[in-house]
Each structure stands twice: as structure tokens, then as C-alpha cells.
Amino acid sequence: MHANALISREKIAGPQGELAVYRSGAGPRVLFLHADCGRSDQWREVIDLISPEFETCALDFRGHGHSAAAANRDYSFPARAEDALAVADTLGWDRFLIVAHSGGGAAALAFAGSHPERVRGLLLIDPVTDPSGVPQEVMAAIVAGLSGPDSLAFLKQYYSTITGADEAVRVRVLADADATTPESRAGVGKAVAEWHAGEALDAYRGPLFIVGADATDGPSALYALRPRIPHVVAHGTGHWLQIERPELVADSLRKLAKRSEA
């Protein structure tokens, strides 16, 4: 985590192993959840912008970054929601905002569906799309690639296609992928394949806003499945738009925070 934003890096007891968390700022509380095969540092730019206004915590999910691998090898979205719950409980956070990227968005929805009383609102940044829109043979190939002996190379090849035009972002994202375990890479592929997007969206009825990107702006986008969900599309970015467009994410969070107070 960037030195400007960091207050402390801590290890806390998670449900299946130690979890690394990074805390910063003061004010309304915000929990940041990173993408599949990402890490908390991918929120660096956003946290630098908002730490004077919000108390933040970004965690590394099980098997990612500096967190321990899951003892039970469960990397499903509900399992990662349990990581988020353990962090919130340890910090004594009763109610808070959640900002989540990509597959972290599915974990956030799992958390919100199970614990709606804890969630002030959700901000999803280019969240994972409905996997039912992906041909079965394509999804099977993704799951096989992420669970095979060359899973890291497979992951990096895929991520290279969605990072966008900024070479610095590509280099950073691929380096973050190195800090994942083979079990976590296999687990996140399985999690996406088994996810039921509509059920996850219907389980949470609180404040929700989505910031999408060009590549995912289509019929499988979560806001296309449920047109009631407010959203904006950040044009001209790759998938890690919180790195490329941190001001947009920060502004969207501020608006959600005000909306959730109403």
C-alpha cells in the first residue's frame, strides 16, 4: 500500500488463515475488496484521494497478496465474504460502505445478501458479469486453464487482454498475479463458473451503484440484468479503472455515501 495512504498493515485471524489488512484515514468507514487474483494495493490511488474523508480498510483475500492460503481451499464468493466479515468484526465495524472490483463485487454481494444490516451501500467497480452469458465451452476452458499446471501463465495471458492501453497498469496487474497461490487461481475460476448473478443481485436491496467499462458494457452486465441499478460507464479504460480513473471512483463513493445517509 502506498505510503501516503497507509496507517497500518496488520494481520488478523481469518476463518481459514491469517488475513493482511491495510488501514487508513478517519471518517465514515469503507471496506475495499479487490479482484480475483488481485491484491489490496490496487486501491492505492483511490485511498490516497479519500483518506482525509473516510476511514478505510483494504484486505488481501485468502490466498492473495500477503494473506495466507485457505486451509480448506475454499475460494468461493461466499467464502471470501467470510473473510470480509472476519475483518469487519475484528475492527468492530458495525455498518460500513463496501467498494469492490471485479470478482470482489460478487463477494461483496454475497456479504450484503447475508448481512444487509451491516452494509450502508455497495459501489461495484467493473464487477464480474453474468457467467450464464458465456458459452459453456469457453467457461470450461477458463476453469481448466486456471486449475491446470500453467495456471499463472494462463491468468497473465488473459489479464493482458483486459488491462487496457496503459502499459504501467498491465505490468502492475501481472506482478500482483504472482502473489496468488495455485489453489486460489483454481478456486476463483470455479467460483465464477458457479455464480448465479441474478440471485446475488436480488438478495440485496440496499444502495448500490456500478461503475462499468466498455468491454463489459453489454447484456451480461449486472445493471443490464437489473435495470433498476444506477450506473455509469467509464469509456476508454481497461478493467482496472480504479487505477486509471481513481477520481471517478472517489467521486462515485462520495455520492454513494451521501445517498446512503438520506
C-alpha atoms as a PDB file:
ATOM      1  CA  MET A   1       0.000   0.000   0.000  1.00  0.00           C
ATOM      2  CA  HIS A   2       1.219   3.486  -0.865  1.00  0.00           C
ATOM      3  CA  ALA A   3       2.977   5.264   1.985  1.00  0.00           C
ATOM      4  CA  ASN A   4       0.773   8.352   1.663  1.00  0.00           C
ATOM      5  CA  ALA A   5      -2.368   6.375   2.490  1.00  0.00           C
ATOM      6  CA  LEU A   6      -1.086   3.738   4.860  1.00  0.00           C
ATOM      7  CA  ILE A   7      -1.735   3.991   8.574  1.00  0.00           C
ATOM      8  CA  SER A   8      -1.052   0.380   9.426  1.00  0.00           C
ATOM      9  CA  ARG A   9      -0.589  -3.028   7.939  1.00  0.00           C
ATOM     10  CA  GLU A  10      -1.929  -5.690  10.237  1.00  0.00           C
ATOM     11  CA  LYS A  11      -2.551  -9.413  10.263  1.00  0.00           C
ATOM     12  CA  ILE A  12      -5.815 -10.631  11.691  1.00  0.00           C
ATOM     13  CA  ALA A  13      -7.254 -14.082  12.189  1.00  0.00           C
ATOM     14  CA  GLY A  14      -9.473 -15.057   9.289  1.00  0.00           C
ATOM     15  CA  PRO A  15     -11.816 -18.024   9.122  1.00  0.00           C
ATOM     16  CA  GLN A  16      -9.248 -20.088   7.180  1.00  0.00           C
ATOM     17  CA  GLY A  17      -5.930 -18.360   7.874  1.00  0.00           C
ATOM     18  CA  GLU A  18      -4.343 -15.010   8.589  1.00  0.00           C
ATOM     19  CA  LEU A  19      -5.532 -12.046   6.540  1.00  0.00           C
ATOM     20  CA  ALA A  20      -3.477  -8.964   5.721  1.00  0.00           C
ATOM     21  CA  VAL A  21      -5.337  -5.673   6.131  1.00  0.00           C
ATOM     22  CA  TYR A  22      -4.307  -2.096   5.455  1.00  0.00           C
ATOM     23  CA  ARG A  23      -5.982   0.747   7.347  1.00  0.00           C
ATOM     24  CA  SER A  24      -6.055   4.462   6.688  1.00  0.00           C
ATOM     25  CA  GLY A  25      -7.922   7.699   7.297  1.00  0.00           C
ATOM     26  CA  ALA A  26     -10.766   8.798   9.536  1.00  0.00           C
ATOM     27  CA  GLY A  27     -14.486   9.303   8.996  1.00  0.00           C
ATOM     28  CA  PRO A  28     -17.234   7.098   7.562  1.00  0.00           C
ATOM     29  CA  ARG A  29     -15.981   3.549   7.169  1.00  0.00           C
ATOM     30  CA  VAL A  30     -15.212   1.914   3.819  1.00  0.00           C
ATOM     31  CA  LEU A  31     -14.093  -1.659   3.175  1.00  0.00           C
ATOM     32  CA  PHE A  32     -12.254  -2.306  -0.107  1.00  0.00           C
ATOM     33  CA  LEU A  33     -12.385  -5.721  -1.809  1.00  0.00           C
ATOM     34  CA  HIS A  34     -10.018  -6.452  -4.688  1.00  0.00           C
ATOM     35  CA  ALA A  35     -10.446  -8.507  -7.865  1.00  0.00           C
ATOM     36  CA  ASP A  36      -9.875 -12.204  -8.406  1.00  0.00           C
ATOM     37  CA  CYS A  37      -6.108 -12.750  -8.352  1.00  0.00           C
ATOM     38  CA  GLY A  38      -5.506  -9.131  -7.375  1.00  0.00           C
ATOM     39  CA  ARG A  39      -4.478  -7.537  -4.091  1.00  0.00           C
ATOM     40  CA  SER A  40      -5.342  -4.616  -1.837  1.00  0.00           C
ATOM     41  CA  ASP A  41      -2.659  -2.353  -3.302  1.00  0.00           C
ATOM     42  CA  GLN A  42      -4.824  -1.971  -6.408  1.00  0.00           C
ATOM     43  CA  TRP A  43      -6.879   0.525  -4.366  1.00  0.00           C
ATOM     44  CA  ARG A  44      -3.819   2.694  -3.643  1.00  0.00           C
ATOM     45  CA  GLU A  45      -4.763   5.666  -5.800  1.00  0.00           C
ATOM     46  CA  VAL A  46      -8.356   5.788  -4.587  1.00  0.00           C
ATOM     47  CA  ILE A  47      -7.389   5.541  -0.917  1.00  0.00           C
ATOM     48  CA  ASP A  48      -4.862   8.341  -1.352  1.00  0.00           C
ATOM     49  CA  LEU A  49      -7.718  10.552  -2.566  1.00  0.00           C
ATOM     50  CA  ILE A  50     -10.272   9.720   0.112  1.00  0.00           C
ATOM     51  CA  SER A  51      -8.276   9.040   3.279  1.00  0.00           C
ATOM     52  CA  PRO A  52      -8.819  12.625   4.556  1.00  0.00           C
ATOM     53  CA  GLU A  53     -12.584  11.966   4.404  1.00  0.00           C
ATOM     54  CA  PHE A  54     -13.089   8.254   5.160  1.00  0.00           C
ATOM     55  CA  GLU A  55     -11.713   5.558   7.429  1.00  0.00           C
ATOM     56  CA  THR A  56     -10.644   2.794   5.069  1.00  0.00           C
ATOM     57  CA  CYS A  57      -9.612  -0.817   5.269  1.00  0.00           C
ATOM     58  CA  ALA A  58      -8.375  -2.831   2.293  1.00  0.00           C
ATOM     59  CA  LEU A  59      -7.763  -6.532   2.742  1.00  0.00           C
ATOM     60  CA  ASP A  60      -5.963  -9.214   0.797  1.00  0.00           C
ATOM     61  CA  PHE A  61      -8.359 -12.097   0.288  1.00  0.00           C
ATOM     62  CA  ARG A  62      -7.291 -15.598   1.292  1.00  0.00           C
ATOM     63  CA  GLY A  63      -4.520 -16.886  -0.991  1.00  0.00           C
ATOM     64  CA  HIS A  64      -3.827 -13.396  -2.364  1.00  0.00           C
ATOM     65  CA  GLY A  65      -1.160 -10.820  -1.587  1.00  0.00           C
ATOM     66  CA  HIS A  66       0.141 -11.184   1.960  1.00  0.00           C
ATOM     67  CA  SER A  67      -2.777 -13.279   3.244  1.00  0.00           C
ATOM     68  CA  ALA A  68      -2.486 -16.974   3.974  1.00  0.00           C
ATOM     69  CA  ALA A  69      -3.897 -19.616   1.697  1.00  0.00           C
ATOM     70  CA  ALA A  70      -7.276 -21.023   2.750  1.00  0.00           C
ATOM     71  CA  ALA A  71      -6.862 -24.070   4.965  1.00  0.00           C
ATOM     72  CA  ASN A  72      -9.973 -25.620   3.424  1.00  0.00           C
ATOM     73  CA  ARG A  73      -9.106 -24.489  -0.134  1.00  0.00           C
ATOM     74  CA  ASP A  74     -12.465 -22.741  -0.473  1.00  0.00           C
ATOM     75  CA  TYR A  75     -12.198 -19.632  -2.657  1.00  0.00           C
ATOM     76  CA  SER A  76     -15.879 -19.253  -3.465  1.00  0.00           C
ATOM     77  CA  PHE A  77     -17.522 -15.847  -3.266  1.00  0.00           C
ATOM     78  CA  PRO A  78     -19.350 -16.716  -0.017  1.00  0.00           C
ATOM     79  CA  ALA A  79     -16.028 -17.888   1.451  1.00  0.00           C
ATOM     80  CA  ARG A  80     -14.383 -14.598   0.568  1.00  0.00           C
ATOM     81  CA  ALA A  81     -17.381 -12.803   2.067  1.00  0.00           C
ATOM     82  CA  GLU A  82     -16.479 -14.633   5.293  1.00  0.00           C
ATOM     83  CA  ASP A  83     -13.031 -13.008   5.070  1.00  0.00           C
ATOM     84  CA  ALA A  84     -14.701  -9.607   4.849  1.00  0.00           C
ATOM     85  CA  LEU A  85     -16.934 -10.424   7.820  1.00  0.00           C
ATOM     86  CA  ALA A  86     -13.941 -11.510   9.916  1.00  0.00           C
ATOM     87  CA  VAL A  87     -12.166  -8.238   9.151  1.00  0.00           C
ATOM     88  CA  ALA A  88     -15.206  -6.103   9.958  1.00  0.00           C
ATOM     89  CA  ASP A  89     -15.844  -7.975  13.204  1.00  0.00           C
ATOM     90  CA  THR A  90     -12.221  -7.713  14.298  1.00  0.00           C
ATOM     91  CA  LEU A  91     -12.186  -3.979  13.624  1.00  0.00           C
ATOM     92  CA  GLY A  92     -15.508  -3.515  15.406  1.00  0.00           C
ATOM     93  CA  TRP A  93     -17.190  -2.067  12.321  1.00  0.00           C
ATOM     94  CA  ASP A  94     -20.951  -2.392  12.695  1.00  0.00           C
ATOM     95  CA  ARG A  95     -22.021  -0.675   9.480  1.00  0.00           C
ATOM     96  CA  PHE A  96     -19.960   0.499   6.529  1.00  0.00           C
ATOM     97  CA  LEU A  97     -19.691   1.078   2.800  1.00  0.00           C
ATOM     98  CA  ILE A  98     -18.113  -1.535   0.552  1.00  0.00           C
ATOM     99  CA  VAL A  99     -16.176  -0.750  -2.631  1.00  0.00           C
ATOM    100  CA  ALA A 100     -15.377  -3.848  -4.674  1.00  0.00           C
ATOM    101  CA  HIS A 101     -13.754  -4.586  -8.014  1.00  0.00           C
ATOM    102  CA  SER A 102     -14.414  -7.395 -10.490  1.00  0.00           C
ATOM    103  CA  GLY A 103     -14.847 -10.720  -8.667  1.00  0.00           C
ATOM    104  CA  GLY A 104     -14.637  -8.827  -5.413  1.00  0.00           C
ATOM    105  CA  GLY A 105     -18.027  -7.438  -6.405  1.00  0.00           C
ATOM    106  CA  ALA A 106     -19.550 -10.909  -6.236  1.00  0.00           C
ATOM    107  CA  ALA A 107     -18.007 -11.397  -2.793  1.00  0.00           C
ATOM    108  CA  ALA A 108     -19.446  -8.024  -1.762  1.00  0.00           C
ATOM    109  CA  LEU A 109     -22.904  -9.054  -2.947  1.00  0.00           C
ATOM    110  CA  ALA A 110     -22.588 -12.321  -1.032  1.00  0.00           C
ATOM    111  CA  PHE A 111     -21.704 -10.355   2.092  1.00  0.00           C
ATOM    112  CA  ALA A 112     -24.510  -7.842   1.589  1.00  0.00           C
ATOM    113  CA  GLY A 113     -27.075 -10.547   0.918  1.00  0.00           C
ATOM    114  CA  SER A 114     -26.163 -12.352   4.139  1.00  0.00           C
ATOM    115  CA  HIS A 115     -25.572  -9.264   6.302  1.00  0.00           C
ATOM    116  CA  PRO A 116     -27.629  -6.384   4.866  1.00  0.00           C
ATOM    117  CA  GLU A 117     -27.809  -4.678   8.253  1.00  0.00           C
ATOM    118  CA  ARG A 118     -24.016  -4.189   8.135  1.00  0.00           C
ATOM    119  CA  VAL A 119     -23.935  -2.523   4.698  1.00  0.00           C
ATOM    120  CA  ARG A 120     -24.529   1.201   4.150  1.00  0.00           C
ATOM    121  CA  GLY A 121     -24.094   0.768   0.416  1.00  0.00           C
ATOM    122  CA  LEU A 122     -22.169  -1.015  -2.321  1.00  0.00           C
ATOM    123  CA  LEU A 123     -20.003   0.554  -5.017  1.00  0.00           C
ATOM    124  CA  LEU A 124     -19.035  -2.060  -7.599  1.00  0.00           C
ATOM    125  CA  ILE A 125     -16.197  -1.248  -9.983  1.00  0.00           C
ATOM    126  CA  ASP A 126     -16.487  -3.127 -13.287  1.00  0.00           C
ATOM    127  CA  PRO A 127     -17.908  -6.152 -11.460  1.00  0.00           C
ATOM    128  CA  VAL A 128     -17.854  -9.684 -12.784  1.00  0.00           C
ATOM    129  CA  THR A 129     -20.587 -10.168 -15.375  1.00  0.00           C
ATOM    130  CA  ASP A 130     -23.253 -12.865 -15.542  1.00  0.00           C
ATOM    131  CA  PRO A 131     -21.399 -16.102 -16.405  1.00  0.00           C
ATOM    132  CA  SER A 132     -24.536 -17.604 -17.935  1.00  0.00           C
ATOM    133  CA  GLY A 133     -23.866 -15.344 -20.903  1.00  0.00           C
ATOM    134  CA  VAL A 134     -20.552 -17.107 -21.585  1.00  0.00           C
ATOM    135  CA  PRO A 135     -20.698 -20.201 -23.837  1.00  0.00           C
ATOM    136  CA  GLN A 136     -20.241 -23.354 -21.775  1.00  0.00           C
ATOM    137  CA  GLU A 137     -17.190 -24.483 -23.724  1.00  0.00           C
ATOM    138  CA  VAL A 138     -15.499 -21.111 -23.162  1.00  0.00           C
ATOM    139  CA  MET A 139     -16.207 -21.166 -19.434  1.00  0.00           C
ATOM    140  CA  ALA A 140     -14.967 -24.760 -19.219  1.00  0.00           C
ATOM    141  CA  ALA A 141     -11.725 -23.738 -20.914  1.00  0.00           C
ATOM    142  CA  ILE A 142     -11.256 -20.868 -18.438  1.00  0.00           C
ATOM    143  CA  VAL A 143     -11.840 -23.135 -15.456  1.00  0.00           C
ATOM    144  CA  ALA A 144      -9.438 -25.729 -16.889  1.00  0.00           C
ATOM    145  CA  GLY A 145      -6.779 -23.121 -17.611  1.00  0.00           C
ATOM    146  CA  LEU A 146      -6.925 -21.659 -14.116  1.00  0.00           C
ATOM    147  CA  SER A 147      -6.762 -25.082 -12.484  1.00  0.00           C
ATOM    148  CA  GLY A 148      -4.054 -26.538 -14.701  1.00  0.00           C
ATOM    149  CA  PRO A 149      -0.278 -26.729 -14.254  1.00  0.00           C
ATOM    150  CA  ASP A 150       0.246 -23.489 -16.201  1.00  0.00           C
ATOM    151  CA  SER A 151      -2.451 -21.528 -14.396  1.00  0.00           C
ATOM    152  CA  LEU A 152      -0.280 -18.478 -13.720  1.00  0.00           C
ATOM    153  CA  ALA A 153       0.723 -18.138 -17.363  1.00  0.00           C
ATOM    154  CA  PHE A 154      -2.900 -18.663 -18.406  1.00  0.00           C
ATOM    155  CA  LEU A 155      -4.056 -15.971 -15.983  1.00  0.00           C
ATOM    156  CA  LYS A 156      -1.439 -13.478 -17.118  1.00  0.00           C
ATOM    157  CA  GLN A 157      -2.243 -14.062 -20.773  1.00  0.00           C
ATOM    158  CA  TYR A 158      -5.921 -13.382 -20.115  1.00  0.00           C
ATOM    159  CA  TYR A 159      -5.311 -10.352 -17.910  1.00  0.00           C
ATOM    160  CA  SER A 160      -3.021  -8.884 -20.563  1.00  0.00           C
ATOM    161  CA  THR A 161      -6.059  -8.686 -22.852  1.00  0.00           C
ATOM    162  CA  ILE A 162      -8.197  -6.654 -20.429  1.00  0.00           C
ATOM    163  CA  THR A 163      -5.767  -4.255 -18.740  1.00  0.00           C
ATOM    164  CA  GLY A 164      -6.215  -1.635 -21.437  1.00  0.00           C
ATOM    165  CA  ALA A 165      -3.680   0.556 -23.182  1.00  0.00           C
ATOM    166  CA  ASP A 166      -1.683   1.701 -20.155  1.00  0.00           C
ATOM    167  CA  GLU A 167       1.487  -0.419 -20.010  1.00  0.00           C
ATOM    168  CA  ALA A 168       2.195   0.542 -16.392  1.00  0.00           C
ATOM    169  CA  VAL A 169      -1.179  -0.854 -15.353  1.00  0.00           C
ATOM    170  CA  ARG A 170      -0.522  -4.083 -17.228  1.00  0.00           C
ATOM    171  CA  VAL A 171       2.881  -4.564 -15.593  1.00  0.00           C
ATOM    172  CA  ARG A 172       1.465  -3.862 -12.148  1.00  0.00           C
ATOM    173  CA  VAL A 173      -1.544  -6.174 -12.502  1.00  0.00           C
ATOM    174  CA  LEU A 174       0.569  -9.044 -13.804  1.00  0.00           C
ATOM    175  CA  ALA A 175       3.022  -8.593 -10.928  1.00  0.00           C
ATOM    176  CA  ASP A 176       0.131  -8.761  -8.473  1.00  0.00           C
ATOM    177  CA  ALA A 177      -0.958 -12.046 -10.041  1.00  0.00           C
ATOM    178  CA  ASP A 178       2.368 -13.518  -8.905  1.00  0.00           C
ATOM    179  CA  ALA A 179       1.166 -13.121  -5.301  1.00  0.00           C
ATOM    180  CA  THR A 180      -1.578 -15.740  -5.695  1.00  0.00           C
ATOM    181  CA  THR A 181      -1.480 -19.457  -4.955  1.00  0.00           C
ATOM    182  CA  PRO A 182      -2.320 -22.193  -7.476  1.00  0.00           C
ATOM    183  CA  GLU A 183      -5.292 -23.149  -5.295  1.00  0.00           C
ATOM    184  CA  SER A 184      -6.634 -19.602  -5.279  1.00  0.00           C
ATOM    185  CA  ARG A 185      -6.351 -19.332  -9.061  1.00  0.00           C
ATOM    186  CA  ALA A 186      -8.248 -22.585  -9.483  1.00  0.00           C
ATOM    187  CA  GLY A 187     -10.783 -21.517  -6.889  1.00  0.00           C
ATOM    188  CA  VAL A 188     -11.659 -18.172  -8.422  1.00  0.00           C
ATOM    189  CA  GLY A 189     -12.290 -19.768 -11.805  1.00  0.00           C
ATOM    190  CA  LYS A 190     -14.630 -22.284 -10.223  1.00  0.00           C
ATOM    191  CA  ALA A 191     -16.350 -19.510  -8.249  1.00  0.00           C
ATOM    192  CA  VAL A 192     -17.175 -17.513 -11.378  1.00  0.00           C
ATOM    193  CA  ALA A 193     -18.444 -20.574 -13.249  1.00  0.00           C
ATOM    194  CA  GLU A 194     -20.802 -21.463 -10.406  1.00  0.00           C
ATOM    195  CA  TRP A 195     -22.063 -17.933  -9.674  1.00  0.00           C
ATOM    196  CA  HIS A 196     -25.733 -17.031 -10.095  1.00  0.00           C
ATOM    197  CA  ALA A 197     -25.682 -13.304 -10.723  1.00  0.00           C
ATOM    198  CA  GLY A 198     -29.431 -12.689 -10.633  1.00  0.00           C
ATOM    199  CA  GLU A 199     -29.843 -14.407  -7.280  1.00  0.00           C
ATOM    200  CA  ALA A 200     -26.958 -12.413  -5.829  1.00  0.00           C
ATOM    201  CA  LEU A 201     -28.433  -9.116  -7.013  1.00  0.00           C
ATOM    202  CA  ASP A 202     -31.906  -9.922  -5.704  1.00  0.00           C
ATOM    203  CA  ALA A 203     -30.601 -10.848  -2.254  1.00  0.00           C
ATOM    204  CA  TYR A 204     -29.515  -7.244  -1.564  1.00  0.00           C
ATOM    205  CA  ARG A 205     -31.883  -4.305  -1.960  1.00  0.00           C
ATOM    206  CA  GLY A 206     -29.852  -1.539  -0.373  1.00  0.00           C
ATOM    207  CA  PRO A 207     -27.981   1.362  -2.018  1.00  0.00           C
ATOM    208  CA  LEU A 208     -25.923   0.151  -4.966  1.00  0.00           C
ATOM    209  CA  PHE A 209     -24.006   1.896  -7.738  1.00  0.00           C
ATOM    210  CA  ILE A 210     -21.928   0.364 -10.520  1.00  0.00           C
ATOM    211  CA  VAL A 211     -19.063   1.888 -12.487  1.00  0.00           C
ATOM    212  CA  GLY A 212     -18.560  -0.211 -15.607  1.00  0.00           C
ATOM    213  CA  ALA A 213     -16.129  -0.246 -18.504  1.00  0.00           C
ATOM    214  CA  ASP A 214     -16.519  -0.512 -22.274  1.00  0.00           C
ATOM    215  CA  ALA A 215     -15.544  -4.181 -22.501  1.00  0.00           C
ATOM    216  CA  THR A 216     -18.264  -5.316 -20.091  1.00  0.00           C
ATOM    217  CA  ASP A 217     -20.990  -2.903 -21.212  1.00  0.00           C
ATOM    218  CA  GLY A 218     -23.426  -5.411 -22.656  1.00  0.00           C
ATOM    219  CA  PRO A 219     -26.343  -7.731 -21.917  1.00  0.00           C
ATOM    220  CA  SER A 220     -24.384  -9.675 -19.276  1.00  0.00           C
ATOM    221  CA  ALA A 221     -23.540  -6.578 -17.232  1.00  0.00           C
ATOM    222  CA  LEU A 222     -25.186  -6.604 -13.815  1.00  0.00           C
ATOM    223  CA  TYR A 223     -27.004  -3.335 -14.490  1.00  0.00           C
ATOM    224  CA  ALA A 224     -28.384  -4.867 -17.690  1.00  0.00           C
ATOM    225  CA  LEU A 225     -29.762  -7.797 -15.705  1.00  0.00           C
ATOM    226  CA  ARG A 226     -31.443  -5.413 -13.253  1.00  0.00           C
ATOM    227  CA  PRO A 227     -32.134  -2.053 -14.954  1.00  0.00           C
ATOM    228  CA  ARG A 228     -33.112  -0.550 -11.572  1.00  0.00           C
ATOM    229  CA  ILE A 229     -29.402  -0.376 -10.674  1.00  0.00           C
ATOM    230  CA  PRO A 230     -27.879   3.079 -11.312  1.00  0.00           C
ATOM    231  CA  HIS A 231     -24.596   3.022 -13.175  1.00  0.00           C
ATOM    232  CA  VAL A 232     -22.084   4.858 -15.298  1.00  0.00           C
ATOM    233  CA  VAL A 233     -19.673   3.515 -17.920  1.00  0.00           C
ATOM    234  CA  ALA A 234     -16.081   4.778 -17.868  1.00  0.00           C
ATOM    235  CA  HIS A 235     -15.149   4.888 -21.538  1.00  0.00           C
ATOM    236  CA  GLY A 236     -11.621   4.307 -22.779  1.00  0.00           C
ATOM    237  CA  THR A 237     -10.300   2.373 -19.800  1.00  0.00           C
ATOM    238  CA  GLY A 238      -9.236  -1.174 -19.123  1.00  0.00           C
ATOM    239  CA  HIS A 239     -10.687  -3.413 -16.421  1.00  0.00           C
ATOM    240  CA  TRP A 240      -8.646  -1.847 -13.565  1.00  0.00           C
ATOM    241  CA  LEU A 241     -10.281   1.528 -13.919  1.00  0.00           C
ATOM    242  CA  GLN A 242      -9.717   2.334 -10.226  1.00  0.00           C
ATOM    243  CA  ILE A 243      -6.035   2.631 -11.154  1.00  0.00           C
ATOM    244  CA  GLU A 244      -6.654   4.575 -14.360  1.00  0.00           C
ATOM    245  CA  ARG A 245      -9.570   6.701 -13.145  1.00  0.00           C
ATOM    246  CA  PRO A 246      -9.285   6.945  -9.350  1.00  0.00           C
ATOM    247  CA  GLU A 247     -11.014  10.332  -9.290  1.00  0.00           C
ATOM    248  CA  LEU A 248     -14.136   8.783 -10.839  1.00  0.00           C
ATOM    249  CA  VAL A 249     -14.186   6.035  -8.216  1.00  0.00           C
ATOM    250  CA  ALA A 250     -13.599   8.502  -5.382  1.00  0.00           C
ATOM    251  CA  ASP A 251     -16.373  10.786  -6.608  1.00  0.00           C
ATOM    252  CA  SER A 252     -18.748   7.839  -7.011  1.00  0.00           C
ATOM    253  CA  LEU A 253     -18.008   6.801  -3.439  1.00  0.00           C
ATOM    254  CA  ARG A 254     -18.709  10.287  -2.117  1.00  0.00           C
ATOM    255  CA  LYS A 255     -22.067  10.329  -3.916  1.00  0.00           C
ATOM    256  CA  LEU A 256     -22.978   6.884  -2.620  1.00  0.00           C
ATOM    257  CA  ALA A 257     -22.065   7.926   0.918  1.00  0.00           C
ATOM    258  CA  LYS A 258     -24.415  10.916   0.683  1.00  0.00           C
ATOM    259  CA  ARG A 259     -27.150   8.775  -0.844  1.00  0.00           C
ATOM    260  CA  SER A 260     -26.854   6.186   1.907  1.00  0.00           C
ATOM    261  CA  GLU A 261     -27.303   8.884   4.556  1.00  0.00           C
ATOM    262  CA  ALA A 262     -30.623  10.013   3.084  1.00  0.00           C
END
